[in-house]
PDB file of N, CA and C in Angstrom:
ATOM      1  N   MET A   1     107.017  85.861  81.768  1.00  0.00           N
ATOM      2  CA  MET A   1     108.444  85.807  81.843  1.00  0.00           C
ATOM      3  C   MET A   1     108.989  84.945  80.712  1.00  0.00           C
ATOM      4  N   SER A   2     107.943  84.018  80.274  1.00  0.00           N
ATOM      5  CA  SER A   2     108.373  83.012  79.209  1.00  0.00           C
ATOM      6  C   SER A   2     108.841  83.592  77.956  1.00  0.00           C
ATOM      7  N   THR A   3     108.384  84.986  77.852  1.00  0.00           N
ATOM      8  CA  THR A   3     108.972  85.531  76.466  1.00  0.00           C
ATOM      9  C   THR A   3     110.220  86.306  76.649  1.00  0.00           C
ATOM     10  N   GLY A   4     110.688  86.247  77.832  1.00  0.00           N
ATOM     11  CA  GLY A   4     112.083  86.912  78.138  1.00  0.00           C
ATOM     12  C   GLY A   4     111.832  88.353  78.256  1.00  0.00           C
ATOM     13  N   LYS A   5     110.825  89.119  78.059  1.00  0.00           N
ATOM     14  CA  LYS A   5     110.744  90.517  78.123  1.00  0.00           C
ATOM     15  C   LYS A   5     110.698  90.889  79.649  1.00  0.00           C
ATOM     16  N   ILE A   6     111.193  91.947  79.872  1.00  0.00           N
ATOM     17  CA  ILE A   6     111.268  92.600  81.340  1.00  0.00           C
ATOM     18  C   ILE A   6     109.701  92.729  81.802  1.00  0.00           C
ATOM     19  N   VAL A   7     109.587  92.404  83.103  1.00  0.00           N
ATOM     20  CA  VAL A   7     108.303  92.397  83.790  1.00  0.00           C
ATOM     21  C   VAL A   7     108.323  93.527  84.803  1.00  0.00           C
ATOM     22  N   ILE A   8     107.187  94.282  84.789  1.00  0.00           N
ATOM     23  CA  ILE A   8     106.896  95.475  85.740  1.00  0.00           C
ATOM     24  C   ILE A   8     105.822  94.788  86.772  1.00  0.00           C
ATOM     25  N   SER A   9     106.045  94.791  87.870  1.00  0.00           N
ATOM     26  CA  SER A   9     104.832  94.124  88.726  1.00  0.00           C
ATOM     27  C   SER A   9     104.808  94.934  90.264  1.00  0.00           C
ATOM     28  N   ASN A  10     103.836  94.693  90.995  1.00  0.00           N
ATOM     29  CA  ASN A  10     103.821  95.223  92.299  1.00  0.00           C
ATOM     30  C   ASN A  10     104.912  94.351  93.000  1.00  0.00           C
ATOM     31  N   ASN A  11     105.109  94.710  94.276  1.00  0.00           N
ATOM     32  CA  ASN A  11     106.226  94.032  95.004  1.00  0.00           C
ATOM     33  C   ASN A  11     105.844  92.438  95.364  1.00  0.00           C
ATOM     34  N   ILE A  12     106.598  91.621  94.742  1.00  0.00           N
ATOM     35  CA  ILE A  12     106.520  90.282  94.962  1.00  0.00           C
ATOM     36  C   ILE A  12     107.747  89.868  95.532  1.00  0.00           C
ATOM     37  N   THR A  13     107.739  89.443  96.884  1.00  0.00           N
ATOM     38  CA  THR A  13     109.207  89.307  97.433  1.00  0.00           C
ATOM     39  C   THR A  13     110.078  88.292  96.774  1.00  0.00           C
ATOM     40  N   VAL A  14     109.543  87.332  96.399  1.00  0.00           N
ATOM     41  CA  VAL A  14     110.224  86.148  95.524  1.00  0.00           C
ATOM     42  C   VAL A  14     111.199  86.802  94.615  1.00  0.00           C
ATOM     43  N   TYR A  15     110.970  87.850  94.093  1.00  0.00           N
ATOM     44  CA  TYR A  15     111.736  88.697  92.958  1.00  0.00           C
ATOM     45  C   TYR A  15     112.570  89.774  93.422  1.00  0.00           C
ATOM     46  N   LYS A  16     112.685  89.932  94.686  1.00  0.00           N
ATOM     47  CA  LYS A  16     113.213  91.096  95.252  1.00  0.00           C
ATOM     48  C   LYS A  16     114.872  91.054  94.999  1.00  0.00           C
ATOM     49  N   ASP A  17     115.388  89.909  94.853  1.00  0.00           N
ATOM     50  CA  ASP A  17     116.708  89.748  94.479  1.00  0.00           C
ATOM     51  C   ASP A  17     116.940  89.462  92.991  1.00  0.00           C
ATOM     52  N   ARG A  18     115.922  89.733  92.181  1.00  0.00           N
ATOM     53  CA  ARG A  18     116.189  89.282  90.740  1.00  0.00           C
ATOM     54  C   ARG A  18     115.683  90.524  89.925  1.00  0.00           C
ATOM     55  N   PRO A  19     116.385  91.756  90.080  1.00  0.00           N
ATOM     56  CA  PRO A  19     115.941  93.000  89.274  1.00  0.00           C
ATOM     57  C   PRO A  19     116.096  92.881  87.723  1.00  0.00           C
ATOM     58  N   ASN A  20     117.035  91.965  87.381  1.00  0.00           N
ATOM     59  CA  ASN A  20     117.015  91.611  85.876  1.00  0.00           C
ATOM     60  C   ASN A  20     115.823  90.942  85.212  1.00  0.00           C
ATOM     61  N   PHE A  21     114.906  90.393  86.186  1.00  0.00           N
ATOM     62  CA  PHE A  21     113.811  89.644  85.951  1.00  0.00           C
ATOM     63  C   PHE A  21     112.657  90.361  85.834  1.00  0.00           C
ATOM     64  N   VAL A  22     112.387  91.068  87.057  1.00  0.00           N
ATOM     65  CA  VAL A  22     111.171  91.860  87.534  1.00  0.00           C
ATOM     66  C   VAL A  22     111.655  93.245  88.097  1.00  0.00           C
ATOM     67  N   GLN A  23     110.880  94.270  87.646  1.00  0.00           N
ATOM     68  CA  GLN A  23     111.159  95.454  88.246  1.00  0.00           C
ATOM     69  C   GLN A  23     109.995  95.744  89.095  1.00  0.00           C
ATOM     70  N   ILE A  24     110.281  95.829  90.541  1.00  0.00           N
ATOM     71  CA  ILE A  24     109.054  95.862  91.526  1.00  0.00           C
ATOM     72  C   ILE A  24     109.502  97.101  92.419  1.00  0.00           C
ATOM     73  N   PRO A  25     108.381  97.811  93.011  1.00  0.00           N
ATOM     74  CA  PRO A  25     108.539  98.906  93.838  1.00  0.00           C
ATOM     75  C   PRO A  25     109.336  98.603  95.233  1.00  0.00           C
ATOM     76  N   PHE A  26     109.988  99.309  95.763  1.00  0.00           N
ATOM     77  CA  PHE A  26     110.655  98.835  96.900  1.00  0.00           C
ATOM     78  C   PHE A  26     109.897  98.573  98.158  1.00  0.00           C
ATOM     79  N   PHE A  27     108.783  99.357  98.299  1.00  0.00           N
ATOM     80  CA  PHE A  27     107.897  99.209  99.544  1.00  0.00           C
ATOM     81  C   PHE A  27     106.792  97.984  99.251  1.00  0.00           C
ATOM     82  N   ARG A  28     106.540  97.172 100.119  1.00  0.00           N
ATOM     83  CA  ARG A  28     105.773  96.037 100.083  1.00  0.00           C
ATOM     84  C   ARG A  28     104.248  96.475 100.366  1.00  0.00           C
ATOM     85  N   LYS A  29     103.998  97.427 101.088  1.00  0.00           N
ATOM     86  CA  LYS A  29     102.781  97.775 101.493  1.00  0.00           C
ATOM     87  C   LYS A  29     101.936  98.627 100.520  1.00  0.00           C
ATOM     88  N   ASN A  30     102.541  99.069  99.620  1.00  0.00           N
ATOM     89  CA  ASN A  30     101.786 100.006  98.618  1.00  0.00           C
ATOM     90  C   ASN A  30     102.701 100.101  97.224  1.00  0.00           C
ATOM     91  N   ASN A  31     102.155 100.480  96.261  1.00  0.00           N
ATOM     92  CA  ASN A  31     102.659 100.583  94.885  1.00  0.00           C
ATOM     93  C   ASN A  31     103.158 101.907  94.473  1.00  0.00           C
ATOM     94  N   LYS A  32     103.501 102.665  95.535  1.00  0.00           N
ATOM     95  CA  LYS A  32     104.100 104.086  95.229  1.00  0.00           C
ATOM     96  C   LYS A  32     105.464 103.814  94.592  1.00  0.00           C
ATOM     97  N   GLY A  33     105.624 104.368  93.491  1.00  0.00           N
ATOM     98  CA  GLY A  33     106.974 104.341  92.988  1.00  0.00           C
ATOM     99  C   GLY A  33     106.708 103.610  91.671  1.00  0.00           C
ATOM    100  N   LEU A  34     105.605 102.639  91.506  1.00  0.00           N
ATOM    101  CA  LEU A  34     105.337 101.951  90.367  1.00  0.00           C
ATOM    102  C   LEU A  34     105.309 102.806  89.104  1.00  0.00           C
ATOM    103  N   SER A  35     104.755 104.033  89.084  1.00  0.00           N
ATOM    104  CA  SER A  35     104.680 104.643  87.758  1.00  0.00           C
ATOM    105  C   SER A  35     106.072 105.043  87.534  1.00  0.00           C
ATOM    106  N   GLY A  36     107.008 105.511  88.404  1.00  0.00           N
ATOM    107  CA  GLY A  36     108.560 105.792  88.158  1.00  0.00           C
ATOM    108  C   GLY A  36     109.071 104.620  87.556  1.00  0.00           C
ATOM    109  N   ILE A  37     108.924 103.578  88.064  1.00  0.00           N
ATOM    110  CA  ILE A  37     109.497 102.238  87.602  1.00  0.00           C
ATOM    111  C   ILE A  37     109.157 102.102  86.214  1.00  0.00           C
ATOM    112  N   PHE A  38     107.879 102.229  85.858  1.00  0.00           N
ATOM    113  CA  PHE A  38     107.382 102.161  84.545  1.00  0.00           C
ATOM    114  C   PHE A  38     107.922 103.037  83.551  1.00  0.00           C
ATOM    115  N   ARG A  39     108.056 104.349  83.887  1.00  0.00           N
ATOM    116  CA  ARG A  39     108.840 105.472  83.152  1.00  0.00           C
ATOM    117  C   ARG A  39     110.303 105.074  82.837  1.00  0.00           C
ATOM    118  N   ASN A  40     110.830 104.403  84.033  1.00  0.00           N
ATOM    119  CA  ASN A  40     112.445 104.223  83.819  1.00  0.00           C
ATOM    120  C   ASN A  40     112.517 103.070  82.950  1.00  0.00           C
ATOM    121  N   VAL A  41     111.600 101.971  83.051  1.00  0.00           N
ATOM    122  CA  VAL A  41     111.805 100.950  82.155  1.00  0.00           C
ATOM    123  C   VAL A  41     111.664 101.423  80.691  1.00  0.00           C
ATOM    124  N   LEU A  42     110.485 102.032  80.380  1.00  0.00           N
ATOM    125  CA  LEU A  42     110.280 102.552  79.057  1.00  0.00           C
ATOM    126  C   LEU A  42     111.449 103.352  78.520  1.00  0.00           C
ATOM    127  N   LYS A  43     112.203 104.130  79.318  1.00  0.00           N
ATOM    128  CA  LYS A  43     113.281 104.774  78.770  1.00  0.00           C
ATOM    129  C   LYS A  43     114.472 103.988  78.576  1.00  0.00           C
ATOM    130  N   GLU A  44     114.603 102.951  79.242  1.00  0.00           N
ATOM    131  CA  GLU A  44     115.797 101.967  79.144  1.00  0.00           C
ATOM    132  C   GLU A  44     115.494 100.604  78.425  1.00  0.00           C
ATOM    133  N   ILE A  45     114.337 100.528  77.702  1.00  0.00           N
ATOM    134  CA  ILE A  45     113.678  99.230  77.320  1.00  0.00           C
ATOM    135  C   ILE A  45     114.608  98.504  76.630  1.00  0.00           C
ATOM    136  N   ASP A  46     115.540  98.884  75.685  1.00  0.00           N
ATOM    137  CA  ASP A  46     116.416  98.133  74.941  1.00  0.00           C
ATOM    138  C   ASP A  46     117.456  97.812  76.111  1.00  0.00           C
ATOM    139  N   LEU A  47     117.849  98.272  77.043  1.00  0.00           N
ATOM    140  CA  LEU A  47     118.832  97.780  78.108  1.00  0.00           C
ATOM    141  C   LEU A  47     118.216  96.667  78.772  1.00  0.00           C
ATOM    142  N   PHE A  48     116.917  96.758  79.265  1.00  0.00           N
ATOM    143  CA  PHE A  48     116.168  95.878  80.095  1.00  0.00           C
ATOM    144  C   PHE A  48     115.855  94.653  79.492  1.00  0.00           C
ATOM    145  N   ASN A  49     115.843  94.796  77.985  1.00  0.00           N
ATOM    146  CA  ASN A  49     115.498  93.651  76.890  1.00  0.00           C
ATOM    147  C   ASN A  49     116.529  93.048  76.140  1.00  0.00           C
ATOM    148  N   GLU A  50     117.749  93.401  76.641  1.00  0.00           N
ATOM    149  CA  GLU A  50     119.032  92.720  75.883  1.00  0.00           C
ATOM    150  C   GLU A  50     118.619  91.269  75.873  1.00  0.00           C
ATOM    151  N   ALA A  51     119.302  90.765  74.672  1.00  0.00           N
ATOM    152  CA  ALA A  51     119.239  89.310  74.514  1.00  0.00           C
ATOM    153  C   ALA A  51     119.487  88.235  75.394  1.00  0.00           C
ATOM    154  N   ASP A  52     120.723  88.610  76.191  1.00  0.00           N
ATOM    155  CA  ASP A  52     121.279  87.852  77.239  1.00  0.00           C
ATOM    156  C   ASP A  52     120.178  87.830  78.448  1.00  0.00           C
ATOM    157  N   LYS A  53     119.722  88.926  78.644  1.00  0.00           N
ATOM    158  CA  LYS A  53     118.764  89.168  79.791  1.00  0.00           C
ATOM    159  C   LYS A  53     117.523  88.344  79.429  1.00  0.00           C
ATOM    160  N   GLN A  54     116.915  88.610  78.278  1.00  0.00           N
ATOM    161  CA  GLN A  54     115.704  87.726  77.747  1.00  0.00           C
ATOM    162  C   GLN A  54     115.961  86.296  77.830  1.00  0.00           C
ATOM    163  N   LEU A  55     117.184  85.736  77.490  1.00  0.00           N
ATOM    164  CA  LEU A  55     117.375  84.264  77.599  1.00  0.00           C
ATOM    165  C   LEU A  55     117.419  83.875  78.990  1.00  0.00           C
ATOM    166  N   GLU A  56     117.965  84.603  79.933  1.00  0.00           N
ATOM    167  CA  GLU A  56     118.091  84.274  81.282  1.00  0.00           C
ATOM    168  C   GLU A  56     116.474  84.202  81.820  1.00  0.00           C
ATOM    169  N   ARG A  57     115.612  85.150  81.555  1.00  0.00           N
ATOM    170  CA  ARG A  57     114.309  84.972  82.039  1.00  0.00           C
ATOM    171  C   ARG A  57     113.590  83.881  81.424  1.00  0.00           C
ATOM    172  N   GLN A  58     113.913  83.527  80.088  1.00  0.00           N
ATOM    173  CA  GLN A  58     113.202  82.388  79.506  1.00  0.00           C
ATOM    174  C   GLN A  58     113.753  81.105  80.142  1.00  0.00           C
ATOM    175  N   MET A  59     115.059  81.099  80.440  1.00  0.00           N
ATOM    176  CA  MET A  59     115.511  79.579  81.024  1.00  0.00           C
ATOM    177  C   MET A  59     114.928  79.608  82.506  1.00  0.00           C
ATOM    178  N   PHE A  60     114.752  80.655  83.248  1.00  0.00           N
ATOM    179  CA  PHE A  60     114.127  80.800  84.555  1.00  0.00           C
ATOM    180  C   PHE A  60     112.655  80.282  84.312  1.00  0.00           C
ATOM    181  N   ALA A  61     111.965  80.758  83.342  1.00  0.00           N
ATOM    182  CA  ALA A  61     110.652  80.136  83.202  1.00  0.00           C
ATOM    183  C   ALA A  61     110.517  78.937  82.928  1.00  0.00           C
ATOM    184  N   ILE A  62     111.337  78.376  82.058  1.00  0.00           N
ATOM    185  CA  ILE A  62     111.364  76.970  81.703  1.00  0.00           C
ATOM    186  C   ILE A  62     111.366  75.949  83.032  1.00  0.00           C
ATOM    187  N   LYS A  63     112.528  76.463  83.723  1.00  0.00           N
ATOM    188  CA  LYS A  63     113.004  75.694  84.802  1.00  0.00           C
ATOM    189  C   LYS A  63     111.759  75.658  85.873  1.00  0.00           C
ATOM    190  N   ASN A  64     111.095  76.771  85.840  1.00  0.00           N
ATOM    191  CA  ASN A  64     110.026  76.815  86.974  1.00  0.00           C
ATOM    192  C   ASN A  64     108.563  76.578  86.307  1.00  0.00           C
ATOM    193  N   SER A  65     108.571  75.923  85.181  1.00  0.00           N
ATOM    194  CA  SER A  65     107.178  75.770  84.565  1.00  0.00           C
ATOM    195  C   SER A  65     106.362  74.764  85.447  1.00  0.00           C
ATOM    196  N   TYR A  66     105.093  74.824  85.105  1.00  0.00           N
ATOM    197  CA  TYR A  66     104.163  73.886  85.887  1.00  0.00           C
ATOM    198  C   TYR A  66     104.688  72.465  85.664  1.00  0.00           C
ATOM    199  N   GLU A  67     104.986  71.928  84.620  1.00  0.00           N
ATOM    200  CA  GLU A  67     105.304  70.723  84.531  1.00  0.00           C
ATOM    201  C   GLU A  67     106.577  70.320  85.252  1.00  0.00           C
ATOM    202  N   ASN A  68     107.637  71.188  85.329  1.00  0.00           N
ATOM    203  CA  ASN A  68     108.841  70.961  86.033  1.00  0.00           C
ATOM    204  C   ASN A  68     108.508  71.015  87.521  1.00  0.00           C
ATOM    205  N   GLN A  69     107.712  71.816  88.102  1.00  0.00           N
ATOM    206  CA  GLN A  69     107.276  71.981  89.478  1.00  0.00           C
ATOM    207  C   GLN A  69     106.545  70.651  89.842  1.00  0.00           C
ATOM    208  N   ILE A  70     105.671  69.979  88.920  1.00  0.00           N
ATOM    209  CA  ILE A  70     104.982  68.805  89.306  1.00  0.00           C
ATOM    210  C   ILE A  70     105.996  67.724  89.362  1.00  0.00           C
ATOM    211  N   LEU A  71     106.820  67.771  88.405  1.00  0.00           N
ATOM    212  CA  LEU A  71     108.051  66.608  88.569  1.00  0.00           C
ATOM    213  C   LEU A  71     108.984  66.758  90.005  1.00  0.00           C
ATOM    214  N   ARG A  72     109.140  67.959  90.200  1.00  0.00           N
ATOM    215  CA  ARG A  72     109.771  68.066  91.510  1.00  0.00           C
ATOM    216  C   ARG A  72     108.874  67.591  92.630  1.00  0.00           C
ATOM    217  N   ILE A  73     107.733  67.801  92.767  1.00  0.00           N
ATOM    218  CA  ILE A  73     106.848  67.523  93.733  1.00  0.00           C
ATOM    219  C   ILE A  73     106.717  65.813  93.787  1.00  0.00           C
ATOM    220  N   GLU A  74     106.835  65.223  92.610  1.00  0.00           N
ATOM    221  CA  GLU A  74     106.700  63.835  92.395  1.00  0.00           C
ATOM    222  C   GLU A  74     107.829  63.149  92.930  1.00  0.00           C
ATOM    223  N   GLU A  75     109.049  63.769  92.788  1.00  0.00           N
ATOM    224  CA  GLU A  75     110.372  63.468  93.365  1.00  0.00           C
ATOM    225  C   GLU A  75     110.258  63.329  94.792  1.00  0.00           C
ATOM    226  N   HIS A  76     109.763  64.298  95.402  1.00  0.00           N
ATOM    227  CA  HIS A  76     109.732  64.457  96.823  1.00  0.00           C
ATOM    228  C   HIS A  76     108.736  63.504  97.399  1.00  0.00           C
ATOM    229  N   ILE A  77     107.757  63.269  96.851  1.00  0.00           N
ATOM    230  CA  ILE A  77     106.754  62.354  97.237  1.00  0.00           C
ATOM    231  C   ILE A  77     107.433  60.893  97.104  1.00  0.00           C
ATOM    232  N   ASN A  78     108.095  60.515  96.176  1.00  0.00           N
ATOM    233  CA  ASN A  78     108.801  59.263  96.008  1.00  0.00           C
ATOM    234  C   ASN A  78     109.806  59.002  96.691  1.00  0.00           C
ATOM    235  N   LYS A  79     110.458  59.841  97.575  1.00  0.00           N
ATOM    236  CA  LYS A  79     111.677  59.677  98.467  1.00  0.00           C
ATOM    237  C   LYS A  79     111.208  58.979  99.695  1.00  0.00           C
TER     238      LYS A  79
END
């Protein structure tokens, strides 16, 4: 995600409401449909990787970096 490019993945529920970040199969129990998602993304790769979408993904990755997560944990511990 740090490159900003679209990601294709198995179903990870944390990303179910972020289709601009990660393209995932609808079903959680199997990866049926993953090949179709892959084909669709390849057909529309320029659309999925538009500059504004890449920047949004990069900002999300920075916001959720290990370093920033550790800082959040430290804040909670120190409260």
